[in-house]
Amino acid sequence: MSKFKELNDYINKVATSLLNNQNICKLLYYTDKDPFAKEDIKDTFALLNDNVFPFNFVPSEDKQACIISIVLDDFSNDGGIHLRKGNISFNIICHKDLWQTDDGLRPFLIMEEIDTMFNKVHYKNFDYAKIGIGGLVFEDAHALWNSNIYSGYQVTYRIISMA
């Protein structure tokens, strides 16, 4: 397999992991202030390419949405045939009217869920093999500003090793 073709597999498995998390899906799907009180979303995979994107995306300004873009970046192969290291970033963008929830600011709640799922420092029981990596370690976070309507945060993790 080409070293770049394998990126499809990584990003799709990360997206699947996000879509299997009901808290993340509720924060993305429900637009009111109490998303955790809502019923579970039956078909979370319907959120793919609507609220979860395997590429950089910003919703149109006439839509109220909260989204996560998954971005693989800064990868290298250390001279081998397969990619061995890199970064994965989660760009969390929310409409200005969707930031506030009863439990806190929506982007921070999503960041907490992502960190709880993927950060090897906090969650040692996550099966990283199912997404083809050796683990993720928090690298940094930065504010994102897309317009007067959409803003959020980018959370980046260093990939410990790619399988």
N, C-alpha and C. Protein backbone atom coordinates (compact mmCIF):
# COMPACT_ATOMS: atom_id res chain seq x y z
N MET A 1 0.85 -1.19 0.00
CA MET A 1 0.00 0.00 0.00
C MET A 1 0.89 1.24 0.00
N SER A 2 0.57 2.21 -0.82
CA SER A 2 1.30 3.47 -0.85
C SER A 2 1.23 4.16 0.50
N LYS A 3 2.27 4.87 0.83
CA LYS A 3 2.29 5.54 2.13
C LYS A 3 1.20 6.61 2.24
N PHE A 4 0.75 7.17 1.13
CA PHE A 4 -0.31 8.18 1.21
C PHE A 4 -1.69 7.56 1.18
N LYS A 5 -1.82 6.43 0.52
CA LYS A 5 -3.11 5.75 0.48
C LYS A 5 -3.55 5.33 1.88
N GLU A 6 -2.61 4.96 2.74
CA GLU A 6 -2.95 4.52 4.10
C GLU A 6 -3.57 5.64 4.93
N LEU A 7 -3.38 6.89 4.54
CA LEU A 7 -3.98 8.01 5.28
C LEU A 7 -5.51 7.94 5.24
N ASN A 8 -6.07 7.42 4.15
CA ASN A 8 -7.52 7.24 4.07
C ASN A 8 -8.01 6.36 5.20
N ASP A 9 -7.30 5.29 5.44
CA ASP A 9 -7.68 4.35 6.48
C ASP A 9 -7.62 5.01 7.86
N TYR A 10 -6.53 5.72 8.14
CA TYR A 10 -6.39 6.39 9.43
C TYR A 10 -7.51 7.38 9.68
N ILE A 11 -7.75 8.24 8.72
CA ILE A 11 -8.72 9.32 8.95
C ILE A 11 -10.14 8.76 9.05
N ASN A 12 -10.45 7.72 8.27
CA ASN A 12 -11.77 7.10 8.36
C ASN A 12 -11.99 6.41 9.69
N LYS A 13 -10.96 5.78 10.24
CA LYS A 13 -11.09 5.12 11.53
C LYS A 13 -11.22 6.14 12.66
N VAL A 14 -10.54 7.27 12.56
CA VAL A 14 -10.69 8.32 13.56
C VAL A 14 -12.11 8.90 13.50
N ALA A 15 -12.61 9.15 12.29
CA ALA A 15 -13.98 9.65 12.13
C ALA A 15 -14.99 8.67 12.72
N THR A 16 -14.78 7.38 12.48
CA THR A 16 -15.67 6.36 13.03
C THR A 16 -15.65 6.39 14.56
N SER A 17 -14.47 6.55 15.14
CA SER A 17 -14.37 6.64 16.60
C SER A 17 -15.15 7.83 17.14
N LEU A 18 -15.06 8.98 16.46
CA LEU A 18 -15.82 10.16 16.89
C LEU A 18 -17.32 9.90 16.78
N LEU A 19 -17.73 9.27 15.69
CA LEU A 19 -19.15 9.02 15.47
C LEU A 19 -19.72 7.95 16.39
N ASN A 20 -18.87 7.17 17.00
CA ASN A 20 -19.33 6.19 17.99
C ASN A 20 -19.46 6.79 19.39
N ASN A 21 -19.11 8.06 19.55
CA ASN A 21 -19.21 8.74 20.84
C ASN A 21 -20.51 9.55 20.87
N GLN A 22 -21.49 9.08 21.65
CA GLN A 22 -22.80 9.74 21.70
C GLN A 22 -22.70 11.18 22.22
N ASN A 23 -21.81 11.45 23.18
CA ASN A 23 -21.70 12.81 23.70
C ASN A 23 -21.23 13.78 22.62
N ILE A 24 -20.22 13.38 21.85
CA ILE A 24 -19.77 14.24 20.75
C ILE A 24 -20.89 14.43 19.74
N CYS A 25 -21.56 13.36 19.38
CA CYS A 25 -22.63 13.45 18.39
C CYS A 25 -23.77 14.35 18.86
N LYS A 26 -24.13 14.25 20.14
CA LYS A 26 -25.18 15.11 20.68
C LYS A 26 -24.76 16.58 20.65
N LEU A 27 -23.50 16.84 21.01
CA LEU A 27 -23.00 18.23 20.99
C LEU A 27 -22.99 18.80 19.57
N LEU A 28 -22.76 17.95 18.59
CA LEU A 28 -22.75 18.41 17.19
C LEU A 28 -24.15 18.52 16.61
N TYR A 29 -25.01 17.58 16.93
CA TYR A 29 -26.32 17.48 16.28
C TYR A 29 -27.38 18.39 16.90
N TYR A 30 -27.49 18.36 18.22
CA TYR A 30 -28.53 19.15 18.88
C TYR A 30 -28.06 20.58 19.05
N THR A 31 -28.92 21.53 18.72
CA THR A 31 -28.52 22.94 18.74
C THR A 31 -29.03 23.70 19.97
N ASP A 32 -29.74 23.02 20.86
CA ASP A 32 -30.22 23.72 22.04
C ASP A 32 -29.20 23.61 23.17
N LYS A 33 -29.52 24.20 24.31
CA LYS A 33 -28.55 24.33 25.40
C LYS A 33 -28.41 23.10 26.28
N ASP A 34 -29.25 22.08 26.05
CA ASP A 34 -29.13 20.88 26.87
C ASP A 34 -28.99 19.62 26.01
N PRO A 35 -27.95 19.53 25.20
CA PRO A 35 -27.82 18.39 24.27
C PRO A 35 -27.69 17.04 24.98
N PHE A 36 -27.10 17.01 26.17
CA PHE A 36 -26.92 15.74 26.87
C PHE A 36 -28.25 15.17 27.39
N ALA A 37 -29.26 16.01 27.51
CA ALA A 37 -30.56 15.55 27.98
C ALA A 37 -31.39 14.95 26.84
N LYS A 38 -30.94 15.10 25.63
CA LYS A 38 -31.66 14.58 24.46
C LYS A 38 -31.42 13.09 24.30
N GLU A 39 -32.29 12.45 23.53
CA GLU A 39 -32.16 11.02 23.29
C GLU A 39 -30.93 10.74 22.42
N ASP A 40 -30.42 9.53 22.55
CA ASP A 40 -29.28 9.12 21.74
C ASP A 40 -29.62 9.20 20.26
N ILE A 41 -28.64 9.49 19.48
CA ILE A 41 -28.81 9.58 18.03
C ILE A 41 -28.66 8.17 17.47
N LYS A 42 -29.69 7.71 16.79
CA LYS A 42 -29.68 6.33 16.29
C LYS A 42 -28.66 6.11 15.18
N ASP A 43 -28.63 7.00 14.21
CA ASP A 43 -27.71 6.84 13.08
C ASP A 43 -26.66 7.95 13.14
N THR A 44 -25.66 7.75 13.98
CA THR A 44 -24.63 8.78 14.14
C THR A 44 -23.81 8.96 12.86
N PHE A 45 -23.76 7.94 12.00
CA PHE A 45 -22.98 8.05 10.77
C PHE A 45 -23.63 8.99 9.75
N ALA A 46 -24.88 9.39 10.00
CA ALA A 46 -25.51 10.41 9.18
C ALA A 46 -24.85 11.78 9.39
N LEU A 47 -24.08 11.91 10.49
CA LEU A 47 -23.39 13.18 10.76
C LEU A 47 -22.12 13.34 9.92
N LEU A 48 -21.65 12.24 9.31
CA LEU A 48 -20.45 12.32 8.47
C LEU A 48 -20.73 13.21 7.27
N ASN A 49 -19.86 14.13 7.03
CA ASN A 49 -19.95 15.14 5.96
C ASN A 49 -21.12 16.10 6.15
N ASP A 50 -21.66 16.13 7.37
CA ASP A 50 -22.63 17.14 7.75
C ASP A 50 -22.13 17.87 9.00
N ASN A 51 -21.58 17.11 9.95
CA ASN A 51 -21.00 17.67 11.17
C ASN A 51 -19.58 17.17 11.45
N VAL A 52 -19.20 16.07 10.85
CA VAL A 52 -17.85 15.52 10.98
C VAL A 52 -17.27 15.38 9.58
N PHE A 53 -16.12 16.03 9.37
CA PHE A 53 -15.51 16.05 8.04
C PHE A 53 -14.08 15.53 8.10
N PRO A 54 -13.70 14.68 7.14
CA PRO A 54 -12.32 14.20 7.09
C PRO A 54 -11.41 15.16 6.31
N PHE A 55 -11.72 16.44 6.37
CA PHE A 55 -10.96 17.50 5.70
C PHE A 55 -11.37 18.84 6.31
N ASN A 56 -10.61 19.89 6.04
CA ASN A 56 -10.96 21.21 6.55
C ASN A 56 -12.28 21.67 5.94
N PHE A 57 -13.15 22.19 6.79
CA PHE A 57 -14.45 22.63 6.32
C PHE A 57 -14.97 23.71 7.25
N VAL A 58 -15.64 24.70 6.66
CA VAL A 58 -16.33 25.74 7.42
C VAL A 58 -17.75 25.83 6.84
N PRO A 59 -18.78 25.72 7.69
CA PRO A 59 -20.16 25.80 7.19
C PRO A 59 -20.47 27.17 6.61
N SER A 60 -21.46 27.21 5.75
CA SER A 60 -21.89 28.49 5.21
C SER A 60 -22.50 29.33 6.34
N GLU A 61 -22.41 30.62 6.21
CA GLU A 61 -22.84 31.51 7.29
C GLU A 61 -24.35 31.55 7.48
N ASP A 62 -25.10 31.02 6.52
CA ASP A 62 -26.56 31.01 6.68
C ASP A 62 -27.05 29.77 7.42
N LYS A 63 -26.14 28.93 7.88
CA LYS A 63 -26.49 27.71 8.61
C LYS A 63 -25.94 27.78 10.03
N GLN A 64 -26.75 27.36 10.99
CA GLN A 64 -26.27 27.24 12.38
C GLN A 64 -25.80 25.81 12.57
N ALA A 65 -24.50 25.64 12.78
CA ALA A 65 -23.96 24.29 12.94
C ALA A 65 -22.74 24.32 13.84
N CYS A 66 -22.40 23.14 14.29
CA CYS A 66 -21.15 22.91 15.00
C CYS A 66 -20.52 21.71 14.31
N ILE A 67 -19.24 21.82 13.96
CA ILE A 67 -18.60 20.77 13.18
C ILE A 67 -17.22 20.44 13.73
N ILE A 68 -16.75 19.26 13.36
CA ILE A 68 -15.37 18.85 13.61
C ILE A 68 -14.76 18.47 12.27
N SER A 69 -13.63 19.08 11.94
CA SER A 69 -12.83 18.67 10.79
C SER A 69 -11.62 17.91 11.32
N ILE A 70 -11.32 16.79 10.71
CA ILE A 70 -10.17 15.97 11.09
C ILE A 70 -9.08 16.21 10.05
N VAL A 71 -7.91 16.63 10.51
CA VAL A 71 -6.83 16.97 9.58
C VAL A 71 -5.55 16.24 9.99
N LEU A 72 -5.01 15.45 9.08
CA LEU A 72 -3.70 14.82 9.28
C LEU A 72 -2.65 15.76 8.71
N ASP A 73 -1.55 15.93 9.45
CA ASP A 73 -0.56 16.92 9.05
C ASP A 73 0.83 16.51 9.53
N ASP A 74 1.83 17.07 8.90
CA ASP A 74 3.22 16.96 9.34
C ASP A 74 3.66 15.50 9.51
N PHE A 75 3.26 14.65 8.55
CA PHE A 75 3.63 13.24 8.66
C PHE A 75 4.89 12.95 7.85
N SER A 76 5.61 11.93 8.31
CA SER A 76 6.83 11.51 7.62
C SER A 76 7.00 10.01 7.80
N ASN A 77 7.94 9.45 7.04
CA ASN A 77 8.13 8.01 7.09
C ASN A 77 9.51 7.61 7.62
N ASP A 78 10.34 8.55 8.01
CA ASP A 78 11.67 8.25 8.53
C ASP A 78 12.47 7.34 7.61
N GLY A 79 12.27 7.49 6.31
CA GLY A 79 13.02 6.72 5.33
C GLY A 79 12.42 5.37 4.99
N GLY A 80 11.36 4.95 5.66
CA GLY A 80 10.72 3.66 5.38
C GLY A 80 9.66 3.81 4.31
N ILE A 81 8.93 2.73 4.08
CA ILE A 81 7.90 2.78 3.05
C ILE A 81 6.54 3.18 3.60
N HIS A 82 6.37 3.11 4.92
CA HIS A 82 5.09 3.49 5.54
C HIS A 82 5.28 4.73 6.40
N LEU A 83 4.21 5.49 6.54
CA LEU A 83 4.24 6.66 7.41
C LEU A 83 4.41 6.21 8.85
N ARG A 84 5.24 6.88 9.59
CA ARG A 84 5.54 6.47 10.96
C ARG A 84 5.20 7.51 12.01
N LYS A 85 5.11 8.78 11.63
CA LYS A 85 4.78 9.80 12.63
C LYS A 85 4.08 10.96 11.95
N GLY A 86 3.44 11.77 12.76
CA GLY A 86 2.73 12.92 12.24
C GLY A 86 1.86 13.53 13.32
N ASN A 87 0.97 14.39 12.90
CA ASN A 87 0.01 15.04 13.80
C ASN A 87 -1.40 14.82 13.28
N ILE A 88 -2.33 14.82 14.20
CA ILE A 88 -3.73 14.84 13.83
C ILE A 88 -4.36 16.00 14.57
N SER A 89 -5.09 16.82 13.83
CA SER A 89 -5.76 17.98 14.42
C SER A 89 -7.26 17.83 14.27
N PHE A 90 -7.95 18.29 15.29
CA PHE A 90 -9.40 18.35 15.27
C PHE A 90 -9.78 19.82 15.29
N ASN A 91 -10.35 20.31 14.20
CA ASN A 91 -10.82 21.69 14.13
C ASN A 91 -12.29 21.70 14.53
N ILE A 92 -12.57 22.35 15.63
CA ILE A 92 -13.93 22.41 16.17
C ILE A 92 -14.44 23.82 15.93
N ILE A 93 -15.44 23.93 15.08
CA ILE A 93 -15.98 25.23 14.68
C ILE A 93 -17.46 25.26 15.04
N CYS A 94 -17.88 26.31 15.74
CA CYS A 94 -19.29 26.44 16.13
C CYS A 94 -19.83 27.82 15.75
N HIS A 95 -21.09 27.81 15.37
CA HIS A 95 -21.82 29.05 15.14
C HIS A 95 -21.89 29.80 16.47
N LYS A 96 -21.82 31.12 16.42
CA LYS A 96 -21.78 31.94 17.64
C LYS A 96 -22.97 31.70 18.56
N ASP A 97 -24.11 31.33 18.01
CA ASP A 97 -25.30 31.10 18.83
C ASP A 97 -25.34 29.72 19.45
N LEU A 98 -24.37 28.86 19.13
CA LEU A 98 -24.36 27.49 19.65
C LEU A 98 -23.29 27.24 20.70
N TRP A 99 -22.49 28.23 21.00
CA TRP A 99 -21.39 28.03 21.95
C TRP A 99 -21.89 27.67 23.34
N GLN A 100 -22.88 28.36 23.84
CA GLN A 100 -23.33 28.19 25.23
C GLN A 100 -24.25 26.98 25.37
N THR A 101 -23.94 26.12 26.34
CA THR A 101 -24.83 25.03 26.73
C THR A 101 -25.03 25.12 28.25
N ASP A 102 -25.93 24.30 28.76
CA ASP A 102 -26.14 24.27 30.21
C ASP A 102 -24.92 23.72 30.95
N ASP A 103 -24.06 22.99 30.24
CA ASP A 103 -22.89 22.35 30.86
C ASP A 103 -21.58 23.08 30.59
N GLY A 104 -21.63 24.19 29.86
CA GLY A 104 -20.42 24.94 29.53
C GLY A 104 -20.38 25.27 28.05
N LEU A 105 -19.24 25.75 27.62
CA LEU A 105 -19.09 26.13 26.21
C LEU A 105 -18.89 24.89 25.34
N ARG A 106 -19.69 24.80 24.29
CA ARG A 106 -19.74 23.61 23.44
C ARG A 106 -18.37 23.21 22.89
N PRO A 107 -17.56 24.12 22.36
CA PRO A 107 -16.24 23.68 21.86
C PRO A 107 -15.37 23.04 22.93
N PHE A 108 -15.40 23.57 24.15
CA PHE A 108 -14.60 22.99 25.23
C PHE A 108 -15.12 21.61 25.64
N LEU A 109 -16.44 21.43 25.60
CA LEU A 109 -17.01 20.12 25.92
C LEU A 109 -16.60 19.08 24.87
N ILE A 110 -16.58 19.49 23.61
CA ILE A 110 -16.14 18.60 22.54
C ILE A 110 -14.65 18.29 22.70
N MET A 111 -13.85 19.32 23.01
CA MET A 111 -12.42 19.12 23.22
C MET A 111 -12.18 18.12 24.35
N GLU A 112 -12.95 18.23 25.43
CA GLU A 112 -12.81 17.31 26.56
C GLU A 112 -13.13 15.88 26.15
N GLU A 113 -14.19 15.70 25.37
CA GLU A 113 -14.54 14.35 24.90
C GLU A 113 -13.44 13.77 24.02
N ILE A 114 -12.91 14.57 23.10
CA ILE A 114 -11.84 14.11 22.22
C ILE A 114 -10.61 13.74 23.03
N ASP A 115 -10.24 14.59 23.98
CA ASP A 115 -9.07 14.33 24.80
C ASP A 115 -9.25 13.07 25.64
N THR A 116 -10.43 12.89 26.18
CA THR A 116 -10.71 11.70 26.98
C THR A 116 -10.62 10.44 26.12
N MET A 117 -11.06 10.54 24.87
CA MET A 117 -11.02 9.38 23.97
C MET A 117 -9.61 9.04 23.50
N PHE A 118 -8.86 10.04 23.09
CA PHE A 118 -7.65 9.78 22.32
C PHE A 118 -6.33 10.02 23.04
N ASN A 119 -6.29 10.84 24.06
CA ASN A 119 -5.02 11.20 24.68
C ASN A 119 -4.48 10.02 25.49
N LYS A 120 -3.38 9.47 25.04
CA LYS A 120 -2.81 8.28 25.69
C LYS A 120 -2.41 8.55 27.14
N VAL A 121 -2.12 9.80 27.47
CA VAL A 121 -1.75 10.15 28.84
C VAL A 121 -2.92 9.92 29.80
N HIS A 122 -4.15 10.20 29.33
CA HIS A 122 -5.33 10.10 30.19
C HIS A 122 -6.08 8.79 30.05
N TYR A 123 -6.09 8.27 28.84
CA TYR A 123 -6.94 7.11 28.57
C TYR A 123 -6.09 5.98 28.01
N LYS A 124 -5.54 5.21 28.87
CA LYS A 124 -4.61 4.16 28.48
C LYS A 124 -5.30 2.91 27.93
N ASN A 125 -6.61 2.82 28.05
CA ASN A 125 -7.32 1.62 27.62
C ASN A 125 -7.89 1.72 26.20
N PHE A 126 -7.72 2.87 25.53
CA PHE A 126 -8.24 3.00 24.17
C PHE A 126 -7.48 2.07 23.25
N ASP A 127 -8.18 1.37 22.40
CA ASP A 127 -7.57 0.41 21.48
C ASP A 127 -7.08 1.16 20.23
N TYR A 128 -5.88 1.72 20.33
CA TYR A 128 -5.32 2.48 19.20
C TYR A 128 -5.11 1.61 17.98
N ALA A 129 -4.93 0.31 18.17
CA ALA A 129 -4.72 -0.59 17.03
C ALA A 129 -5.91 -0.53 16.07
N LYS A 130 -7.11 -0.25 16.60
CA LYS A 130 -8.27 -0.22 15.70
C LYS A 130 -8.25 0.99 14.77
N ILE A 131 -7.44 2.00 15.08
CA ILE A 131 -7.29 3.12 14.15
C ILE A 131 -5.91 3.15 13.51
N GLY A 132 -5.09 2.13 13.81
CA GLY A 132 -3.82 1.96 13.13
C GLY A 132 -2.68 2.85 13.60
N ILE A 133 -2.76 3.29 14.87
CA ILE A 133 -1.69 4.12 15.41
C ILE A 133 -1.28 3.60 16.78
N GLY A 134 -0.10 4.02 17.22
CA GLY A 134 0.40 3.58 18.51
C GLY A 134 -0.09 4.41 19.67
N GLY A 135 -0.71 5.53 19.40
CA GLY A 135 -1.22 6.39 20.45
C GLY A 135 -1.12 7.86 20.07
N LEU A 136 -1.83 8.69 20.79
CA LEU A 136 -1.81 10.13 20.57
C LEU A 136 -1.45 10.82 21.87
N VAL A 137 -0.66 11.88 21.76
CA VAL A 137 -0.31 12.70 22.91
C VAL A 137 -0.62 14.15 22.57
N PHE A 138 -1.31 14.84 23.49
CA PHE A 138 -1.67 16.24 23.26
C PHE A 138 -0.44 17.07 22.93
N GLU A 139 -0.53 17.83 21.86
CA GLU A 139 0.56 18.69 21.42
C GLU A 139 0.25 20.15 21.77
N ASP A 140 -0.90 20.66 21.26
CA ASP A 140 -1.29 22.04 21.57
C ASP A 140 -2.71 22.31 21.09
N ALA A 141 -3.20 23.49 21.45
CA ALA A 141 -4.52 23.94 21.02
C ALA A 141 -4.43 25.42 20.69
N HIS A 142 -5.19 25.81 19.67
CA HIS A 142 -5.18 27.20 19.22
C HIS A 142 -6.60 27.64 18.89
N ALA A 143 -6.87 28.90 19.14
CA ALA A 143 -8.16 29.47 18.76
C ALA A 143 -8.24 29.57 17.25
N LEU A 144 -9.43 29.33 16.72
CA LEU A 144 -9.70 29.48 15.29
C LEU A 144 -10.77 30.56 15.13
N TRP A 145 -10.57 31.41 14.18
CA TRP A 145 -11.57 32.42 13.88
C TRP A 145 -11.82 32.37 12.38
N ASN A 146 -13.04 32.07 11.99
CA ASN A 146 -13.37 31.96 10.58
C ASN A 146 -14.19 33.14 10.08
N SER A 147 -15.00 33.72 10.96
CA SER A 147 -15.85 34.85 10.57
C SER A 147 -16.47 35.41 11.84
N ASN A 148 -17.31 36.40 11.68
CA ASN A 148 -18.03 36.94 12.84
C ASN A 148 -19.06 35.95 13.36
N ILE A 149 -19.32 34.90 12.60
CA ILE A 149 -20.34 33.92 12.98
C ILE A 149 -19.72 32.61 13.45
N TYR A 150 -18.62 32.18 12.84
CA TYR A 150 -17.99 30.90 13.16
C TYR A 150 -16.61 31.07 13.75
N SER A 151 -16.39 30.39 14.86
CA SER A 151 -15.07 30.34 15.48
C SER A 151 -14.99 29.07 16.30
N GLY A 152 -13.80 28.80 16.83
CA GLY A 152 -13.63 27.59 17.63
C GLY A 152 -12.19 27.37 18.00
N TYR A 153 -11.79 26.11 18.02
CA TYR A 153 -10.45 25.73 18.44
C TYR A 153 -9.91 24.59 17.58
N GLN A 154 -8.60 24.59 17.43
CA GLN A 154 -7.91 23.46 16.83
C GLN A 154 -7.12 22.76 17.93
N VAL A 155 -7.36 21.47 18.10
CA VAL A 155 -6.64 20.66 19.09
C VAL A 155 -5.76 19.69 18.30
N THR A 156 -4.46 19.70 18.59
CA THR A 156 -3.53 18.86 17.84
C THR A 156 -2.88 17.84 18.76
N TYR A 157 -2.78 16.64 18.24
CA TYR A 157 -2.12 15.52 18.94
C TYR A 157 -0.99 15.00 18.08
N ARG A 158 0.09 14.66 18.73
CA ARG A 158 1.23 14.03 18.06
C ARG A 158 0.92 12.53 18.02
N ILE A 159 1.08 11.96 16.84
CA ILE A 159 0.88 10.53 16.68
C ILE A 159 2.17 9.84 17.11
N ILE A 160 2.08 8.97 18.09
CA ILE A 160 3.26 8.30 18.62
C ILE A 160 3.88 7.39 17.57
N SER A 161 3.10 6.59 16.91
CA SER A 161 3.60 5.77 15.81
C SER A 161 2.41 5.29 15.00
N MET A 162 2.61 5.18 13.72
CA MET A 162 1.57 4.65 12.84
C MET A 162 1.90 3.20 12.58
N ALA A 163 0.89 2.36 12.64
CA ALA A 163 1.12 0.91 12.45
C ALA A 163 1.28 0.58 10.99
